[in-house]
Amino acid sequence: MDQELIENCRRLDAAARNDPDELRSLYADDFLIHRLDSSGETLVVDKQAIISFFAEQRDKDTASQQKNTVEYLHASRSRDIGMVVGKRTMQVSGKPVELIFSQFWRHQKSGWQMIRESVYAQSR
């Protein structure tokens, strides 16, 4: 597994909890997340919306954020594009949600930035 990509994912996770400026730098301006849930509903969210979501989560119960877990299953790159696949459990509105995700990262002069994420979410 590509450890540099995994480290960027960990930086993003930490920034989502407590560093909005770092979070902004890790998402590309053209970032999009495609979220599909078990009911078949699809939601597409841009950079600003995902940053706002994490800000709301930060303002809520910090104890439930500590229950969040992540497992990286695959990380590889080809030249300036990287891909990370993993499984995450998050507390959303007090309920555990399991997410299977694929993240696509692009390396630029300023470093790695996430450009796309695809997520399948199911309530536990």
PDB file of N, CA and C in Angstrom:
ATOM      1  N   MET A   1       0.838  -1.188   0.000  1.00  0.00           N
ATOM      2  CA  MET A   1       0.000   0.000   0.000  1.00  0.00           C
ATOM      3  C   MET A   1       0.876   1.242   0.000  1.00  0.00           C
ATOM      4  N   ASP A   2       0.420   2.239  -0.675  1.00  0.00           N
ATOM      5  CA  ASP A   2       1.159   3.494  -0.770  1.00  0.00           C
ATOM      6  C   ASP A   2       0.983   4.292   0.521  1.00  0.00           C
ATOM      7  N   GLN A   3       2.037   4.351   1.319  1.00  0.00           N
ATOM      8  CA  GLN A   3       1.965   4.986   2.637  1.00  0.00           C
ATOM      9  C   GLN A   3       1.792   6.507   2.560  1.00  0.00           C
ATOM     10  N   GLU A   4       2.313   7.131   1.516  1.00  0.00           N
ATOM     11  CA  GLU A   4       2.147   8.581   1.380  1.00  0.00           C
ATOM     12  C   GLU A   4       0.665   8.938   1.186  1.00  0.00           C
ATOM     13  N   LEU A   5      -0.053   8.157   0.391  1.00  0.00           N
ATOM     14  CA  LEU A   5      -1.479   8.388   0.202  1.00  0.00           C
ATOM     15  C   LEU A   5      -2.250   8.134   1.498  1.00  0.00           C
ATOM     16  N   ILE A   6      -1.904   7.062   2.199  1.00  0.00           N
ATOM     17  CA  ILE A   6      -2.561   6.762   3.478  1.00  0.00           C
ATOM     18  C   ILE A   6      -2.337   7.913   4.455  1.00  0.00           C
ATOM     19  N   GLU A   7      -1.139   8.453   4.486  1.00  0.00           N
ATOM     20  CA  GLU A   7      -0.844   9.572   5.386  1.00  0.00           C
ATOM     21  C   GLU A   7      -1.687  10.792   5.023  1.00  0.00           C
ATOM     22  N   ASN A   8      -1.886  11.051   3.737  1.00  0.00           N
ATOM     23  CA  ASN A   8      -2.763  12.151   3.337  1.00  0.00           C
ATOM     24  C   ASN A   8      -4.200  11.910   3.779  1.00  0.00           C
ATOM     25  N   CYS A   9      -4.655  10.676   3.718  1.00  0.00           N
ATOM     26  CA  CYS A   9      -6.003  10.345   4.206  1.00  0.00           C
ATOM     27  C   CYS A   9      -6.099  10.608   5.705  1.00  0.00           C
ATOM     28  N   ARG A  10      -5.077  10.235   6.442  1.00  0.00           N
ATOM     29  CA  ARG A  10      -5.079  10.477   7.897  1.00  0.00           C
ATOM     30  C   ARG A  10      -5.064  11.971   8.202  1.00  0.00           C
ATOM     31  N   ARG A  11      -4.295  12.727   7.422  1.00  0.00           N
ATOM     32  CA  ARG A  11      -4.288  14.188   7.592  1.00  0.00           C
ATOM     33  C   ARG A  11      -5.676  14.760   7.330  1.00  0.00           C
ATOM     34  N   LEU A  12      -6.341  14.255   6.297  1.00  0.00           N
ATOM     35  CA  LEU A  12      -7.681  14.726   5.982  1.00  0.00           C
ATOM     36  C   LEU A  12      -8.649  14.388   7.114  1.00  0.00           C
ATOM     37  N   ASP A  13      -8.568  13.174   7.650  1.00  0.00           N
ATOM     38  CA  ASP A  13      -9.441  12.776   8.766  1.00  0.00           C
ATOM     39  C   ASP A  13      -9.226  13.675   9.981  1.00  0.00           C
ATOM     40  N   ALA A  14      -7.970  13.959  10.302  1.00  0.00           N
ATOM     41  CA  ALA A  14      -7.667  14.830  11.439  1.00  0.00           C
ATOM     42  C   ALA A  14      -8.161  16.251  11.176  1.00  0.00           C
ATOM     43  N   ALA A  15      -7.973  16.736   9.967  1.00  0.00           N
ATOM     44  CA  ALA A  15      -8.415  18.095   9.619  1.00  0.00           C
ATOM     45  C   ALA A  15      -9.935  18.202   9.671  1.00  0.00           C
ATOM     46  N   ALA A  16     -10.631  17.139   9.298  1.00  0.00           N
ATOM     47  CA  ALA A  16     -12.098  17.148   9.347  1.00  0.00           C
ATOM     48  C   ALA A  16     -12.593  17.354  10.778  1.00  0.00           C
ATOM     49  N   ARG A  17     -11.810  16.876  11.743  1.00  0.00           N
ATOM     50  CA  ARG A  17     -12.197  17.020  13.156  1.00  0.00           C
ATOM     51  C   ARG A  17     -11.825  18.377  13.741  1.00  0.00           C
ATOM     52  N   ASN A  18     -10.732  19.007  13.257  1.00  0.00           N
ATOM     53  CA  ASN A  18     -10.305  20.204  13.990  1.00  0.00           C
ATOM     54  C   ASN A  18      -9.505  21.245  13.208  1.00  0.00           C
ATOM     55  N   ASP A  19      -9.411  21.155  11.886  1.00  0.00           N
ATOM     56  CA  ASP A  19      -8.592  22.134  11.170  1.00  0.00           C
ATOM     57  C   ASP A  19      -9.186  22.461   9.798  1.00  0.00           C
ATOM     58  N   PRO A  20     -10.163  23.377   9.757  1.00  0.00           N
ATOM     59  CA  PRO A  20     -10.825  23.697   8.486  1.00  0.00           C
ATOM     60  C   PRO A  20      -9.880  24.207   7.397  1.00  0.00           C
ATOM     61  N   ASP A  21      -8.837  24.944   7.774  1.00  0.00           N
ATOM     62  CA  ASP A  21      -7.897  25.446   6.760  1.00  0.00           C
ATOM     63  C   ASP A  21      -7.132  24.305   6.098  1.00  0.00           C
ATOM     64  N   GLU A  22      -6.677  23.357   6.892  1.00  0.00           N
ATOM     65  CA  GLU A  22      -5.991  22.177   6.348  1.00  0.00           C
ATOM     66  C   GLU A  22      -6.952  21.377   5.468  1.00  0.00           C
ATOM     67  N   LEU A  23      -8.196  21.252   5.924  1.00  0.00           N
ATOM     68  CA  LEU A  23      -9.209  20.524   5.159  1.00  0.00           C
ATOM     69  C   LEU A  23      -9.389  21.152   3.774  1.00  0.00           C
ATOM     70  N   ARG A  24      -9.478  22.472   3.723  1.00  0.00           N
ATOM     71  CA  ARG A  24      -9.628  23.173   2.436  1.00  0.00           C
ATOM     72  C   ARG A  24      -8.444  22.897   1.511  1.00  0.00           C
ATOM     73  N   SER A  25      -7.254  22.802   2.082  1.00  0.00           N
ATOM     74  CA  SER A  25      -6.070  22.583   1.243  1.00  0.00           C
ATOM     75  C   SER A  25      -5.983  21.147   0.718  1.00  0.00           C
ATOM     76  N   LEU A  26      -6.631  20.202   1.393  1.00  0.00           N
ATOM     77  CA  LEU A  26      -6.564  18.801   0.972  1.00  0.00           C
ATOM     78  C   LEU A  26      -7.633  18.428  -0.052  1.00  0.00           C
ATOM     79  N   TYR A  27      -8.677  19.234  -0.155  1.00  0.00           N
ATOM     80  CA  TYR A  27      -9.691  19.027  -1.190  1.00  0.00           C
ATOM     81  C   TYR A  27      -9.374  19.943  -2.370  1.00  0.00           C
ATOM     82  N   ALA A  28      -9.374  19.400  -3.570  1.00  0.00           N
ATOM     83  CA  ALA A  28      -9.185  20.212  -4.781  1.00  0.00           C
ATOM     84  C   ALA A  28     -10.409  21.104  -4.965  1.00  0.00           C
ATOM     85  N   ASP A  29     -10.224  22.223  -5.626  1.00  0.00           N
ATOM     86  CA  ASP A  29     -11.346  23.138  -5.857  1.00  0.00           C
ATOM     87  C   ASP A  29     -12.466  22.474  -6.644  1.00  0.00           C
ATOM     88  N   ASP A  30     -12.127  21.518  -7.517  1.00  0.00           N
ATOM     89  CA  ASP A  30     -13.139  20.831  -8.317  1.00  0.00           C
ATOM     90  C   ASP A  30     -13.593  19.501  -7.687  1.00  0.00           C
ATOM     91  N   PHE A  31     -13.339  19.334  -6.389  1.00  0.00           N
ATOM     92  CA  PHE A  31     -13.706  18.111  -5.670  1.00  0.00           C
ATOM     93  C   PHE A  31     -15.211  17.857  -5.733  1.00  0.00           C
ATOM     94  N   LEU A  32     -15.568  16.585  -5.923  1.00  0.00           N
ATOM     95  CA  LEU A  32     -16.956  16.126  -5.831  1.00  0.00           C
ATOM     96  C   LEU A  32     -16.987  14.802  -5.098  1.00  0.00           C
ATOM     97  N   ILE A  33     -18.012  14.620  -4.283  1.00  0.00           N
ATOM     98  CA  ILE A  33     -18.243  13.330  -3.642  1.00  0.00           C
ATOM     99  C   ILE A  33     -19.599  12.818  -4.117  1.00  0.00           C
ATOM    100  N   HIS A  34     -19.628  11.558  -4.506  1.00  0.00           N
ATOM    101  CA  HIS A  34     -20.854  10.892  -4.937  1.00  0.00           C
ATOM    102  C   HIS A  34     -21.186   9.877  -3.857  1.00  0.00           C
ATOM    103  N   ARG A  35     -22.312  10.086  -3.184  1.00  0.00           N
ATOM    104  CA  ARG A  35     -22.714   9.228  -2.063  1.00  0.00           C
ATOM    105  C   ARG A  35     -23.991   8.490  -2.443  1.00  0.00           C
ATOM    106  N   LEU A  36     -23.939   7.161  -2.388  1.00  0.00           N
ATOM    107  CA  LEU A  36     -25.080   6.304  -2.661  1.00  0.00           C
ATOM    108  C   LEU A  36     -25.433   5.606  -1.365  1.00  0.00           C
ATOM    109  N   ASP A  37     -26.718   5.621  -0.977  1.00  0.00           N
ATOM    110  CA  ASP A  37     -27.083   4.909   0.250  1.00  0.00           C
ATOM    111  C   ASP A  37     -27.854   3.637  -0.082  1.00  0.00           C
ATOM    112  N   SER A  38     -28.169   2.854   0.945  1.00  0.00           N
ATOM    113  CA  SER A  38     -28.774   1.533   0.733  1.00  0.00           C
ATOM    114  C   SER A  38     -30.183   1.623   0.145  1.00  0.00           C
ATOM    115  N   SER A  39     -30.826   2.788   0.209  1.00  0.00           N
ATOM    116  CA  SER A  39     -32.154   2.947  -0.400  1.00  0.00           C
ATOM    117  C   SER A  39     -32.050   3.265  -1.893  1.00  0.00           C
ATOM    118  N   GLY A  40     -30.827   3.470  -2.396  1.00  0.00           N
ATOM    119  CA  GLY A  40     -30.616   3.785  -3.798  1.00  0.00           C
ATOM    120  C   GLY A  40     -30.533   5.274  -4.080  1.00  0.00           C
ATOM    121  N   GLU A  41     -30.663   6.101  -3.034  1.00  0.00           N
ATOM    122  CA  GLU A  41     -30.578   7.551  -3.220  1.00  0.00           C
ATOM    123  C   GLU A  41     -29.125   7.961  -3.443  1.00  0.00           C
ATOM    124  N   THR A  42     -28.914   8.828  -4.429  1.00  0.00           N
ATOM    125  CA  THR A  42     -27.583   9.333  -4.730  1.00  0.00           C
ATOM    126  C   THR A  42     -27.525  10.820  -4.420  1.00  0.00           C
ATOM    127  N   LEU A  43     -26.442  11.229  -3.801  1.00  0.00           N
ATOM    128  CA  LEU A  43     -26.224  12.628  -3.467  1.00  0.00           C
ATOM    129  C   LEU A  43     -24.848  13.020  -3.980  1.00  0.00           C
ATOM    130  N   VAL A  44     -24.759  14.136  -4.694  1.00  0.00           N
ATOM    131  CA  VAL A  44     -23.484  14.652  -5.179  1.00  0.00           C
ATOM    132  C   VAL A  44     -23.228  15.964  -4.444  1.00  0.00           C
ATOM    133  N   VAL A  45     -22.047  16.071  -3.819  1.00  0.00           N
ATOM    134  CA  VAL A  45     -21.714  17.220  -2.988  1.00  0.00           C
ATOM    135  C   VAL A  45     -20.363  17.772  -3.423  1.00  0.00           C
ATOM    136  N   ASP A  46     -20.226  19.101  -3.400  1.00  0.00           N
ATOM    137  CA  ASP A  46     -18.973  19.735  -3.787  1.00  0.00           C
ATOM    138  C   ASP A  46     -18.108  20.059  -2.558  1.00  0.00           C
ATOM    139  N   LYS A  47     -16.987  20.691  -2.811  1.00  0.00           N
ATOM    140  CA  LYS A  47     -16.004  20.999  -1.770  1.00  0.00           C
ATOM    141  C   LYS A  47     -16.612  21.809  -0.629  1.00  0.00           C
ATOM    142  N   GLN A  48     -17.307  22.891  -0.949  1.00  0.00           N
ATOM    143  CA  GLN A  48     -17.853  23.747   0.100  1.00  0.00           C
ATOM    144  C   GLN A  48     -18.878  23.011   0.951  1.00  0.00           C
ATOM    145  N   ALA A  49     -19.723  22.206   0.330  1.00  0.00           N
ATOM    146  CA  ALA A  49     -20.754  21.476   1.073  1.00  0.00           C
ATOM    147  C   ALA A  49     -20.138  20.446   2.016  1.00  0.00           C
ATOM    148  N   ILE A  50     -19.082  19.757   1.590  1.00  0.00           N
ATOM    149  CA  ILE A  50     -18.472  18.750   2.469  1.00  0.00           C
ATOM    150  C   ILE A  50     -17.738  19.427   3.623  1.00  0.00           C
ATOM    151  N   ILE A  51     -17.125  20.570   3.372  1.00  0.00           N
ATOM    152  CA  ILE A  51     -16.464  21.314   4.450  1.00  0.00           C
ATOM    153  C   ILE A  51     -17.509  21.802   5.451  1.00  0.00           C
ATOM    154  N   SER A  52     -18.656  22.256   4.975  1.00  0.00           N
ATOM    155  CA  SER A  52     -19.741  22.675   5.865  1.00  0.00           C
ATOM    156  C   SER A  52     -20.264  21.502   6.684  1.00  0.00           C
ATOM    157  N   PHE A  53     -20.390  20.336   6.052  1.00  0.00           N
ATOM    158  CA  PHE A  53     -20.834  19.141   6.773  1.00  0.00           C
ATOM    159  C   PHE A  53     -19.885  18.831   7.929  1.00  0.00           C
ATOM    160  N   PHE A  54     -18.579  18.849   7.666  1.00  0.00           N
ATOM    161  CA  PHE A  54     -17.618  18.555   8.726  1.00  0.00           C
ATOM    162  C   PHE A  54     -17.633  19.620   9.813  1.00  0.00           C
ATOM    163  N   ALA A  55     -17.894  20.876   9.439  1.00  0.00           N
ATOM    164  CA  ALA A  55     -17.998  21.948  10.448  1.00  0.00           C
ATOM    165  C   ALA A  55     -19.181  21.684  11.373  1.00  0.00           C
ATOM    166  N   GLU A  56     -20.301  21.247  10.807  1.00  0.00           N
ATOM    167  CA  GLU A  56     -21.475  20.903  11.628  1.00  0.00           C
ATOM    168  C   GLU A  56     -21.152  19.742  12.555  1.00  0.00           C
ATOM    169  N   GLN A  57     -20.442  18.734  12.033  1.00  0.00           N
ATOM    170  CA  GLN A  57     -20.082  17.579  12.853  1.00  0.00           C
ATOM    171  C   GLN A  57     -19.168  17.985  13.998  1.00  0.00           C
ATOM    172  N   ARG A  58     -18.235  18.905  13.730  1.00  0.00           N
ATOM    173  CA  ARG A  58     -17.322  19.386  14.778  1.00  0.00           C
ATOM    174  C   ARG A  58     -18.091  20.066  15.892  1.00  0.00           C
ATOM    175  N   ASP A  59     -19.131  20.811  15.524  1.00  0.00           N
ATOM    176  CA  ASP A  59     -19.914  21.560  16.503  1.00  0.00           C
ATOM    177  C   ASP A  59     -20.828  20.660  17.319  1.00  0.00           C
ATOM    178  N   LYS A  60     -21.033  19.439  16.870  1.00  0.00           N
ATOM    179  CA  LYS A  60     -21.891  18.496  17.596  1.00  0.00           C
ATOM    180  C   LYS A  60     -21.047  17.704  18.587  1.00  0.00           C
ATOM    181  N   ASP A  61     -21.578  16.626  19.021  1.00  0.00           N
ATOM    182  CA  ASP A  61     -21.002  15.779  20.062  1.00  0.00           C
ATOM    183  C   ASP A  61     -19.629  15.229  19.675  1.00  0.00           C
ATOM    184  N   THR A  62     -18.591  15.710  20.357  1.00  0.00           N
ATOM    185  CA  THR A  62     -17.223  15.248  20.077  1.00  0.00           C
ATOM    186  C   THR A  62     -17.034  13.796  20.501  1.00  0.00           C
ATOM    187  N   ALA A  63     -17.747  13.360  21.520  1.00  0.00           N
ATOM    188  CA  ALA A  63     -17.614  11.971  21.985  1.00  0.00           C
ATOM    189  C   ALA A  63     -18.025  10.999  20.884  1.00  0.00           C
ATOM    190  N   SER A  64     -19.077  11.326  20.131  1.00  0.00           N
ATOM    191  CA  SER A  64     -19.497  10.412  19.063  1.00  0.00           C
ATOM    192  C   SER A  64     -18.473  10.393  17.931  1.00  0.00           C
ATOM    193  N   GLN A  65     -17.755  11.513  17.718  1.00  0.00           N
ATOM    194  CA  GLN A  65     -16.707  11.539  16.694  1.00  0.00           C
ATOM    195  C   GLN A  65     -15.577  10.579  17.046  1.00  0.00           C
ATOM    196  N   GLN A  66     -15.342  10.382  18.334  1.00  0.00           N
ATOM    197  CA  GLN A  66     -14.267   9.487  18.757  1.00  0.00           C
ATOM    198  C   GLN A  66     -14.599   8.029  18.468  1.00  0.00           C
ATOM    199  N   LYS A  67     -15.872   7.735  18.199  1.00  0.00           N
ATOM    200  CA  LYS A  67     -16.283   6.371  17.854  1.00  0.00           C
ATOM    201  C   LYS A  67     -16.062   6.078  16.371  1.00  0.00           C
ATOM    202  N   ASN A  68     -15.714   7.094  15.581  1.00  0.00           N
ATOM    203  CA  ASN A  68     -15.472   6.903  14.156  1.00  0.00           C
ATOM    204  C   ASN A  68     -14.227   6.044  13.953  1.00  0.00           C
ATOM    205  N   THR A  69     -14.304   5.127  13.005  1.00  0.00           N
ATOM    206  CA  THR A  69     -13.157   4.272  12.692  1.00  0.00           C
ATOM    207  C   THR A  69     -12.951   4.246  11.182  1.00  0.00           C
ATOM    208  N   VAL A  70     -11.735   3.934  10.793  1.00  0.00           N
ATOM    209  CA  VAL A  70     -11.435   3.802   9.372  1.00  0.00           C
ATOM    210  C   VAL A  70     -10.421   2.680   9.170  1.00  0.00           C
ATOM    211  N   GLU A  71     -10.600   1.946   8.101  1.00  0.00           N
ATOM    212  CA  GLU A  71      -9.673   0.877   7.721  1.00  0.00           C
ATOM    213  C   GLU A  71      -9.345   1.076   6.244  1.00  0.00           C
ATOM    214  N   TYR A  72      -8.064   1.208   5.936  1.00  0.00           N
ATOM    215  CA  TYR A  72      -7.632   1.384   4.545  1.00  0.00           C
ATOM    216  C   TYR A  72      -7.353   0.014   3.955  1.00  0.00           C
ATOM    217  N   LEU A  73      -8.024  -0.296   2.860  1.00  0.00           N
ATOM    218  CA  LEU A  73      -7.928  -1.614   2.246  1.00  0.00           C
ATOM    219  C   LEU A  73      -6.959  -1.654   1.066  1.00  0.00           C
ATOM    220  N   HIS A  74      -6.789  -0.501   0.402  1.00  0.00           N
ATOM    221  CA  HIS A  74      -5.936  -0.445  -0.788  1.00  0.00           C
ATOM    222  C   HIS A  74      -5.502   1.001  -1.013  1.00  0.00           C
ATOM    223  N   ALA A  75      -4.269   1.195  -1.385  1.00  0.00           N
ATOM    224  CA  ALA A  75      -3.769   2.528  -1.765  1.00  0.00           C
ATOM    225  C   ALA A  75      -2.658   2.339  -2.787  1.00  0.00           C
ATOM    226  N   SER A  76      -2.848   2.965  -3.954  1.00  0.00           N
ATOM    227  CA  SER A  76      -1.830   2.867  -5.003  1.00  0.00           C
ATOM    228  C   SER A  76      -1.878   4.131  -5.849  1.00  0.00           C
ATOM    229  N   ARG A  77      -0.824   4.309  -6.646  1.00  0.00           N
ATOM    230  CA  ARG A  77      -0.779   5.468  -7.531  1.00  0.00           C
ATOM    231  C   ARG A  77      -0.087   5.116  -8.829  1.00  0.00           C
ATOM    232  N   SER A  78      -0.418   5.930  -9.822  1.00  0.00           N
ATOM    233  CA  SER A  78       0.237   5.865 -11.116  1.00  0.00           C
ATOM    234  C   SER A  78       0.542   7.304 -11.505  1.00  0.00           C
ATOM    235  N   ARG A  79       1.802   7.629 -11.499  1.00  0.00           N
ATOM    236  CA  ARG A  79       2.280   8.994 -11.743  1.00  0.00           C
ATOM    237  C   ARG A  79       1.648   9.962 -10.749  1.00  0.00           C
ATOM    238  N   ASP A  80       0.777  10.866 -11.236  1.00  0.00           N
ATOM    239  CA  ASP A  80       0.253  11.903 -10.348  1.00  0.00           C
ATOM    240  C   ASP A  80      -1.185  11.642  -9.874  1.00  0.00           C
ATOM    241  N   ILE A  81      -1.710  10.439 -10.111  1.00  0.00           N
ATOM    242  CA  ILE A  81      -3.057  10.087  -9.663  1.00  0.00           C
ATOM    243  C   ILE A  81      -2.964   8.910  -8.687  1.00  0.00           C
ATOM    244  N   GLY A  82      -3.632   9.053  -7.550  1.00  0.00           N
ATOM    245  CA  GLY A  82      -3.648   7.990  -6.550  1.00  0.00           C
ATOM    246  C   GLY A  82      -5.071   7.576  -6.226  1.00  0.00           C
ATOM    247  N   MET A  83      -5.218   6.343  -5.755  1.00  0.00           N
ATOM    248  CA  MET A  83      -6.526   5.832  -5.374  1.00  0.00           C
ATOM    249  C   MET A  83      -6.410   5.143  -4.024  1.00  0.00           C
ATOM    250  N   VAL A  84      -7.384   5.420  -3.162  1.00  0.00           N
ATOM    251  CA  VAL A  84      -7.457   4.782  -1.850  1.00  0.00           C
ATOM    252  C   VAL A  84      -8.851   4.194  -1.700  1.00  0.00           C
ATOM    253  N   VAL A  85      -8.920   2.950  -1.245  1.00  0.00           N
ATOM    254  CA  VAL A  85     -10.192   2.283  -0.977  1.00  0.00           C
ATOM    255  C   VAL A  85     -10.207   1.915   0.499  1.00  0.00           C
ATOM    256  N   GLY A  86     -11.351   2.117   1.135  1.00  0.00           N
ATOM    257  CA  GLY A  86     -11.418   1.805   2.555  1.00  0.00           C
ATOM    258  C   GLY A  86     -12.830   1.653   3.058  1.00  0.00           C
ATOM    259  N   LYS A  87     -12.889   1.432   4.372  1.00  0.00           N
ATOM    260  CA  LYS A  87     -14.161   1.252   5.065  1.00  0.00           C
ATOM    261  C   LYS A  87     -14.136   2.147   6.297  1.00  0.00           C
ATOM    262  N   ARG A  88     -15.203   2.902   6.495  1.00  0.00           N
ATOM    263  CA  ARG A  88     -15.282   3.838   7.610  1.00  0.00           C
ATOM    264  C   ARG A  88     -16.614   3.652   8.326  1.00  0.00           C
ATOM    265  N   THR A  89     -16.582   3.768   9.640  1.00  0.00           N
ATOM    266  CA  THR A  89     -17.804   3.839  10.436  1.00  0.00           C
ATOM    267  C   THR A  89     -17.845   5.222  11.053  1.00  0.00           C
ATOM    268  N   MET A  90     -18.954   5.931  10.828  1.00  0.00           N
ATOM    269  CA  MET A  90     -19.124   7.283  11.355  1.00  0.00           C
ATOM    270  C   MET A  90     -20.413   7.364  12.150  1.00  0.00           C
ATOM    271  N   GLN A  91     -20.413   8.255  13.119  1.00  0.00           N
ATOM    272  CA  GLN A  91     -21.630   8.591  13.833  1.00  0.00           C
ATOM    273  C   GLN A  91     -22.232   9.803  13.128  1.00  0.00           C
ATOM    274  N   VAL A  92     -23.419   9.649  12.573  1.00  0.00           N
ATOM    275  CA  VAL A  92     -24.116  10.749  11.916  1.00  0.00           C
ATOM    276  C   VAL A  92     -25.474  10.876  12.588  1.00  0.00           C
ATOM    277  N   SER A  93     -25.704  12.021  13.178  1.00  0.00           N
ATOM    278  CA  SER A  93     -26.935  12.269  13.935  1.00  0.00           C
ATOM    279  C   SER A  93     -27.142  11.195  14.997  1.00  0.00           C
ATOM    280  N   GLY A  94     -26.045  10.796  15.634  1.00  0.00           N
ATOM    281  CA  GLY A  94     -26.110   9.822  16.724  1.00  0.00           C
ATOM    282  C   GLY A  94     -26.258   8.377  16.299  1.00  0.00           C
ATOM    283  N   LYS A  95     -26.259   8.116  14.998  1.00  0.00           N
ATOM    284  CA  LYS A  95     -26.429   6.747  14.504  1.00  0.00           C
ATOM    285  C   LYS A  95     -25.182   6.319  13.754  1.00  0.00           C
ATOM    286  N   PRO A  96     -24.756   5.049  13.951  1.00  0.00           N
ATOM    287  CA  PRO A  96     -23.587   4.571  13.199  1.00  0.00           C
ATOM    288  C   PRO A  96     -23.944   4.314  11.732  1.00  0.00           C
ATOM    289  N   VAL A  97     -23.076   4.787  10.848  1.00  0.00           N
ATOM    290  CA  VAL A  97     -23.233   4.566   9.417  1.00  0.00           C
ATOM    291  C   VAL A  97     -21.930   3.971   8.909  1.00  0.00           C
ATOM    292  N   GLU A  98     -22.031   2.866   8.175  1.00  0.00           N
ATOM    293  CA  GLU A  98     -20.840   2.247   7.591  1.00  0.00           C
ATOM    294  C   GLU A  98     -20.695   2.731   6.154  1.00  0.00           C
ATOM    295  N   LEU A  99     -19.490   3.176   5.816  1.00  0.00           N
ATOM    296  CA  LEU A  99     -19.198   3.715   4.490  1.00  0.00           C
ATOM    297  C   LEU A  99     -18.097   2.896   3.825  1.00  0.00           C
ATOM    298  N   ILE A 100     -18.322   2.503   2.611  1.00  0.00           N
ATOM    299  CA  ILE A 100     -17.273   1.919   1.780  1.00  0.00           C
ATOM    300  C   ILE A 100     -16.913   3.014   0.784  1.00  0.00           C
ATOM    301  N   PHE A 101     -15.625   3.372   0.710  1.00  0.00           N
ATOM    302  CA  PHE A 101     -15.261   4.518  -0.113  1.00  0.00           C
ATOM    303  C   PHE A 101     -14.096   4.230  -1.039  1.00  0.00           C
ATOM    304  N   SER A 102     -14.080   4.986  -2.142  1.00  0.00           N
ATOM    305  CA  SER A 102     -12.945   5.059  -3.069  1.00  0.00           C
ATOM    306  C   SER A 102     -12.615   6.538  -3.210  1.00  0.00           C
ATOM    307  N   GLN A 103     -11.373   6.878  -2.974  1.00  0.00           N
ATOM    308  CA  GLN A 103     -10.928   8.265  -3.087  1.00  0.00           C
ATOM    309  C   GLN A 103      -9.894   8.355  -4.203  1.00  0.00           C
ATOM    310  N   PHE A 104      -9.998   9.422  -4.982  1.00  0.00           N
ATOM    311  CA  PHE A 104      -9.030   9.677  -6.039  1.00  0.00           C
ATOM    312  C   PHE A 104      -8.294  10.966  -5.711  1.00  0.00           C
ATOM    313  N   TRP A 105      -6.968  10.883  -5.704  1.00  0.00           N
ATOM    314  CA  TRP A 105      -6.100  11.987  -5.331  1.00  0.00           C
ATOM    315  C   TRP A 105      -5.258  12.391  -6.535  1.00  0.00           C
ATOM    316  N   ARG A 106      -4.945  13.688  -6.612  1.00  0.00           N
ATOM    317  CA  ARG A 106      -4.088  14.205  -7.688  1.00  0.00           C
ATOM    318  C   ARG A 106      -2.906  14.930  -7.039  1.00  0.00           C
ATOM    319  N   HIS A 107      -1.709  14.630  -7.523  1.00  0.00           N
ATOM    320  CA  HIS A 107      -0.525  15.300  -6.996  1.00  0.00           C
ATOM    321  C   HIS A 107      -0.216  16.521  -7.853  1.00  0.00           C
ATOM    322  N   GLN A 108      -0.034  17.668  -7.179  1.00  0.00           N
ATOM    323  CA  GLN A 108       0.326  18.912  -7.842  1.00  0.00           C
ATOM    324  C   GLN A 108       1.541  19.487  -7.126  1.00  0.00           C
ATOM    325  N   LYS A 109       1.981  20.644  -7.561  1.00  0.00           N
ATOM    326  CA  LYS A 109       3.151  21.270  -6.927  1.00  0.00           C
ATOM    327  C   LYS A 109       2.956  21.467  -5.432  1.00  0.00           C
ATOM    328  N   SER A 110       1.719  21.774  -5.018  1.00  0.00           N
ATOM    329  CA  SER A 110       1.439  22.023  -3.597  1.00  0.00           C
ATOM    330  C   SER A 110       1.250  20.728  -2.800  1.00  0.00           C
ATOM    331  N   GLY A 111       1.247  19.576  -3.458  1.00  0.00           N
ATOM    332  CA  GLY A 111       1.075  18.295  -2.772  1.00  0.00           C
ATOM    333  C   GLY A 111      -0.170  17.572  -3.258  1.00  0.00           C
ATOM    334  N   TRP A 112      -0.595  16.568  -2.502  1.00  0.00           N
ATOM    335  CA  TRP A 112      -1.745  15.757  -2.866  1.00  0.00           C
ATOM    336  C   TRP A 112      -3.042  16.451  -2.478  1.00  0.00           C
ATOM    337  N   GLN A 113      -4.030  16.387  -3.382  1.00  0.00           N
ATOM    338  CA  GLN A 113      -5.369  16.878  -3.107  1.00  0.00           C
ATOM    339  C   GLN A 113      -6.373  15.830  -3.589  1.00  0.00           C
ATOM    340  N   MET A 114      -7.451  15.638  -2.804  1.00  0.00           N
ATOM    341  CA  MET A 114      -8.487  14.712  -3.219  1.00  0.00           C
ATOM    342  C   MET A 114      -9.357  15.396  -4.277  1.00  0.00           C
ATOM    343  N   ILE A 115      -9.601  14.682  -5.374  1.00  0.00           N
ATOM    344  CA  ILE A 115     -10.402  15.242  -6.462  1.00  0.00           C
ATOM    345  C   ILE A 115     -11.789  14.612  -6.549  1.00  0.00           C
ATOM    346  N   ARG A 116     -11.914  13.354  -6.176  1.00  0.00           N
ATOM    347  CA  ARG A 116     -13.206  12.663  -6.213  1.00  0.00           C
ATOM    348  C   ARG A 116     -13.251  11.646  -5.087  1.00  0.00           C
ATOM    349  N   GLU A 117     -14.489  11.434  -4.620  1.00  0.00           N
ATOM    350  CA  GLU A 117     -14.725  10.352  -3.671  1.00  0.00           C
ATOM    351  C   GLU A 117     -16.068   9.732  -4.016  1.00  0.00           C
ATOM    352  N   SER A 118     -16.103   8.426  -3.993  1.00  0.00           N
ATOM    353  CA  SER A 118     -17.319   7.675  -4.204  1.00  0.00           C
ATOM    354  C   SER A 118     -17.578   6.899  -2.918  1.00  0.00           C
ATOM    355  N   VAL A 119     -18.798   7.021  -2.382  1.00  0.00           N
ATOM    356  CA  VAL A 119     -19.113   6.412  -1.091  1.00  0.00           C
ATOM    357  C   VAL A 119     -20.422   5.642  -1.182  1.00  0.00           C
ATOM    358  N   TYR A 120     -20.414   4.442  -0.614  1.00  0.00           N
ATOM    359  CA  TYR A 120     -21.655   3.683  -0.428  1.00  0.00           C
ATOM    360  C   TYR A 120     -21.912   3.658   1.070  1.00  0.00           C
ATOM    361  N   ALA A 121     -23.064   4.187   1.485  1.00  0.00           N
ATOM    362  CA  ALA A 121     -23.386   4.307   2.916  1.00  0.00           C
ATOM    363  C   ALA A 121     -24.552   3.393   3.259  1.00  0.00           C
ATOM    364  N   GLN A 122     -24.401   2.696   4.407  1.00  0.00           N
ATOM    365  CA  GLN A 122     -25.510   1.905   4.907  1.00  0.00           C
ATOM    366  C   GLN A 122     -25.585   2.053   6.414  1.00  0.00           C
ATOM    367  N   SER A 123     -26.802   2.255   6.923  1.00  0.00           N
ATOM    368  CA  SER A 123     -26.994   2.350   8.374  1.00  0.00           C
ATOM    369  C   SER A 123     -26.820   0.984   8.985  1.00  0.00           C
ATOM    370  N   ARG A 124     -26.313   0.971  10.190  1.00  0.00           N
ATOM    371  CA  ARG A 124     -26.122  -0.316  10.871  1.00  0.00           C
ATOM    372  C   ARG A 124     -27.317  -0.675  11.696  1.00  0.00           C
TER     373      ARG A 124
END
